[in-house]
Amino acid sequence: MSLREDAARVLKEWPAPSDDQERLRLAYLDHLAAHQDGMWKPCKDGHVTASALVVDPAGGRVLLTLHRKLEMWLQMGGHCEPGDATLADAALREAREESGIAQGLTLLPGGPVRLDRHHTPCAWHLDVQYAALAPEGAEAAISDESLDLRWFAYDDVASVADASVVRLVERTRALLQRSA
């Protein structure tokens, strides 16, 4: 199965938690149906990306990166690569690379947490957002893609990040509470 086929499968099976998320889910599927290259950066009409919010549930905090190019506090994430077997693999790879936590990160079960479509300097990103659980005692290390990397208490995220990151944190927290 190709990465594009996996992304389409994930999106078809994902139960959108709201009407706006359902509209995005359908738009992402339409994009993939219309663009054979819809997973890749060269697709100027937009491309599917994968991200993961790194969470320390025991500490009540999330790890955010100050993105070098965008100069914004964001979750870990970015473009899919040819070596990514699945969309979940792409999200986990990005989380490992950008957090410096090489071992022990696991994705929150149940697939994506939410979707977010946003414009970047290269094109529209159709981001599929996951949550990655950090192992106890995980130590983060800044990557070349970041200006800074910090843990933030859940309630402090709104003071540093935009609304899309706040919504991702809120949805992740709700899912964590359900699974507890």
Protein backbone atom coordinates (compact mmCIF):
# COMPACT_ATOMS: atom_id res chain seq x y z
CA MET A 1 0.00 0.00 0.00
CA SER A 2 1.37 3.41 -0.94
CA LEU A 3 1.57 6.29 1.51
CA ARG A 4 -1.19 8.06 -0.46
CA GLU A 5 -3.41 4.97 -0.19
CA ASP A 6 -2.69 4.72 3.53
CA ALA A 7 -3.61 8.40 4.01
CA ALA A 8 -6.87 7.90 2.12
CA ARG A 9 -7.65 4.82 4.23
CA VAL A 10 -6.90 6.67 7.49
CA LEU A 11 -9.10 9.59 6.45
CA LYS A 12 -11.95 7.33 5.30
CA GLU A 13 -11.94 5.44 8.61
CA TRP A 14 -11.41 8.44 10.92
CA PRO A 15 -14.56 9.47 12.83
CA ALA A 16 -14.48 13.26 12.66
CA PRO A 17 -15.40 14.74 16.06
CA SER A 18 -17.29 17.76 14.65
CA ASP A 19 -18.91 19.16 11.52
CA ASP A 20 -15.93 21.37 10.69
CA GLN A 21 -13.57 18.41 11.06
CA GLU A 22 -15.86 16.34 8.82
CA ARG A 23 -15.69 19.05 6.14
CA LEU A 24 -11.89 18.99 6.32
CA ARG A 25 -11.82 15.19 6.21
CA LEU A 26 -13.88 15.21 3.01
CA ALA A 27 -11.77 18.02 1.52
CA TYR A 28 -8.59 16.04 2.21
CA LEU A 29 -10.08 12.97 0.52
CA ASP A 30 -11.12 15.09 -2.49
CA HIS A 31 -7.59 16.50 -2.66
CA LEU A 32 -6.04 13.03 -2.68
CA ALA A 33 -8.50 11.85 -5.34
CA ALA A 34 -7.68 14.84 -7.55
CA HIS A 35 -3.88 14.87 -7.06
CA GLN A 36 -1.73 11.78 -7.51
CA ASP A 37 1.11 13.84 -6.00
CA GLY A 38 -1.07 15.20 -3.16
CA MET A 39 1.21 13.79 -0.46
CA TRP A 40 4.34 15.55 -1.62
CA LYS A 41 5.83 19.03 -1.24
CA PRO A 42 6.06 19.70 -5.01
CA CYS A 43 2.23 19.62 -5.23
CA LYS A 44 1.58 23.37 -5.33
CA ASP A 45 -2.18 22.94 -4.84
CA GLY A 46 -1.34 21.72 -1.36
CA HIS A 47 -0.12 18.52 0.21
CA VAL A 48 -0.90 16.26 3.13
CA THR A 49 1.46 16.69 6.07
CA ALA A 50 1.75 14.82 9.35
CA SER A 51 2.35 16.18 12.82
CA ALA A 52 2.33 15.00 16.42
CA LEU A 53 1.80 16.86 19.63
CA VAL A 54 4.32 15.40 22.10
CA VAL A 55 2.53 15.00 25.43
CA ASP A 56 3.66 14.17 28.95
CA PRO A 57 0.30 13.27 30.53
CA ALA A 58 1.79 12.61 33.97
CA GLY A 59 3.38 16.06 33.99
CA GLY A 60 0.38 17.78 32.41
CA ARG A 61 2.52 19.33 29.69
CA VAL A 62 3.26 19.38 25.98
CA LEU A 63 6.49 19.89 24.07
CA LEU A 64 6.42 22.67 21.48
CA THR A 65 9.02 23.79 19.00
CA LEU A 66 9.70 27.38 17.99
CA HIS A 67 9.74 26.75 14.24
CA ARG A 68 12.83 28.23 12.58
CA LYS A 69 11.09 29.47 9.40
CA LEU A 70 7.64 30.37 10.74
CA GLU A 71 8.85 31.71 14.11
CA MET A 72 5.80 30.24 15.85
CA TRP A 73 5.41 27.73 18.68
CA LEU A 74 4.04 24.56 17.07
CA GLN A 75 3.71 20.83 17.54
CA MET A 76 6.32 18.65 15.81
CA GLY A 77 5.52 17.94 12.18
CA GLY A 78 6.10 18.48 8.53
CA HIS A 79 6.28 16.98 5.09
CA CYS A 80 5.88 13.31 4.38
CA GLU A 81 8.94 11.55 2.97
CA PRO A 82 9.26 8.64 0.53
CA GLY A 83 10.52 6.37 3.33
CA ASP A 84 7.35 6.84 5.40
CA ALA A 85 5.28 3.67 5.15
CA THR A 86 2.18 5.21 6.74
CA LEU A 87 0.84 8.58 7.77
CA ALA A 88 1.26 7.56 11.41
CA ASP A 89 4.90 6.66 10.69
CA ALA A 90 5.44 10.12 9.20
CA ALA A 91 3.98 11.81 12.29
CA LEU A 92 6.08 9.69 14.64
CA ARG A 93 9.25 10.30 12.58
CA GLU A 94 8.66 14.05 12.71
CA ALA A 95 8.05 13.87 16.47
CA ARG A 96 11.30 11.98 17.03
CA GLU A 97 13.37 14.21 14.75
CA GLU A 98 12.11 17.52 16.08
CA SER A 99 11.83 16.59 19.77
CA GLY A 100 15.14 14.77 20.04
CA ILE A 101 13.31 11.99 21.91
CA ALA A 102 14.64 9.07 19.91
CA GLN A 103 13.21 6.22 22.00
CA GLY A 104 9.88 5.52 23.62
CA LEU A 105 7.49 7.89 21.86
CA THR A 106 4.21 6.16 21.05
CA LEU A 107 1.18 7.51 19.26
CA LEU A 108 -2.04 7.85 21.20
CA PRO A 109 -4.19 4.93 20.01
CA GLY A 110 -7.17 5.60 17.77
CA GLY A 111 -5.55 7.40 14.87
CA PRO A 112 -5.43 11.13 14.24
CA VAL A 113 -6.54 13.60 16.89
CA ARG A 114 -7.67 16.32 14.48
CA LEU A 115 -7.09 17.94 11.09
CA ASP A 116 -5.85 21.45 10.37
CA ARG A 117 -5.54 23.16 6.98
CA HIS A 118 -3.19 26.15 6.92
CA HIS A 119 -1.17 28.11 4.40
CA THR A 120 2.62 28.05 4.55
CA PRO A 121 5.27 29.63 2.33
CA CYS A 122 5.43 26.46 0.17
CA ALA A 123 1.69 25.73 -0.24
CA TRP A 124 -1.41 24.75 1.70
CA HIS A 125 -0.70 22.10 4.32
CA LEU A 126 -3.46 19.56 4.88
CA ASP A 127 -2.14 18.51 8.26
CA VAL A 128 -3.17 15.25 9.88
CA GLN A 129 -2.44 15.71 13.57
CA TYR A 130 -1.62 12.92 16.01
CA ALA A 131 -0.57 12.92 19.66
CA ALA A 132 2.64 11.21 20.77
CA LEU A 133 3.01 10.10 24.36
CA ALA A 134 6.46 10.79 25.81
CA PRO A 135 8.04 8.15 28.02
CA GLU A 136 8.61 8.97 31.68
CA GLY A 137 11.72 11.10 32.13
CA ALA A 138 12.02 11.91 28.41
CA GLU A 139 14.63 14.53 27.66
CA ALA A 140 14.11 16.69 24.62
CA ALA A 141 16.92 18.00 22.43
CA ILE A 142 16.60 20.87 19.97
CA SER A 143 16.92 20.12 16.24
CA ASP A 144 18.17 22.20 13.31
CA GLU A 145 14.56 23.01 12.42
CA SER A 146 13.92 24.81 15.71
CA LEU A 147 14.90 28.08 17.30
CA ASP A 148 13.83 26.72 20.67
CA LEU A 149 12.15 23.69 22.21
CA ARG A 150 10.22 23.80 25.50
CA TRP A 151 7.73 21.97 27.66
CA PHE A 152 4.60 23.99 28.41
CA ALA A 153 1.89 23.26 30.96
CA TYR A 154 -1.43 22.58 29.21
CA ASP A 155 -2.89 25.85 30.49
CA ASP A 156 0.11 27.91 29.29
CA VAL A 157 -0.14 26.91 25.62
CA ALA A 158 -2.70 29.60 24.78
CA SER A 159 -0.25 32.30 25.87
CA VAL A 160 2.43 31.22 23.35
CA ALA A 161 0.75 29.34 20.49
CA ASP A 162 -1.96 30.05 17.94
CA ALA A 163 -5.55 28.78 18.05
CA SER A 164 -4.80 25.66 15.99
CA VAL A 165 -2.27 24.42 18.56
CA VAL A 166 -4.64 25.27 21.40
CA ARG A 167 -7.40 23.23 19.72
CA LEU A 168 -4.97 20.32 19.25
CA VAL A 169 -4.03 20.41 22.94
CA GLU A 170 -7.71 20.59 23.99
CA ARG A 171 -8.69 17.65 21.79
CA THR A 172 -5.69 15.61 22.96
CA ARG A 173 -6.54 16.27 26.60
CA ALA A 174 -10.15 15.22 26.01
CA LEU A 175 -8.98 11.96 24.41
CA LEU A 176 -6.54 11.32 27.26
CA GLN A 177 -9.30 11.82 29.83
CA ARG A 178 -11.53 9.34 28.00
CA SER A 179 -8.81 6.71 27.94
CA ALA A 180 -7.90 7.14 31.62
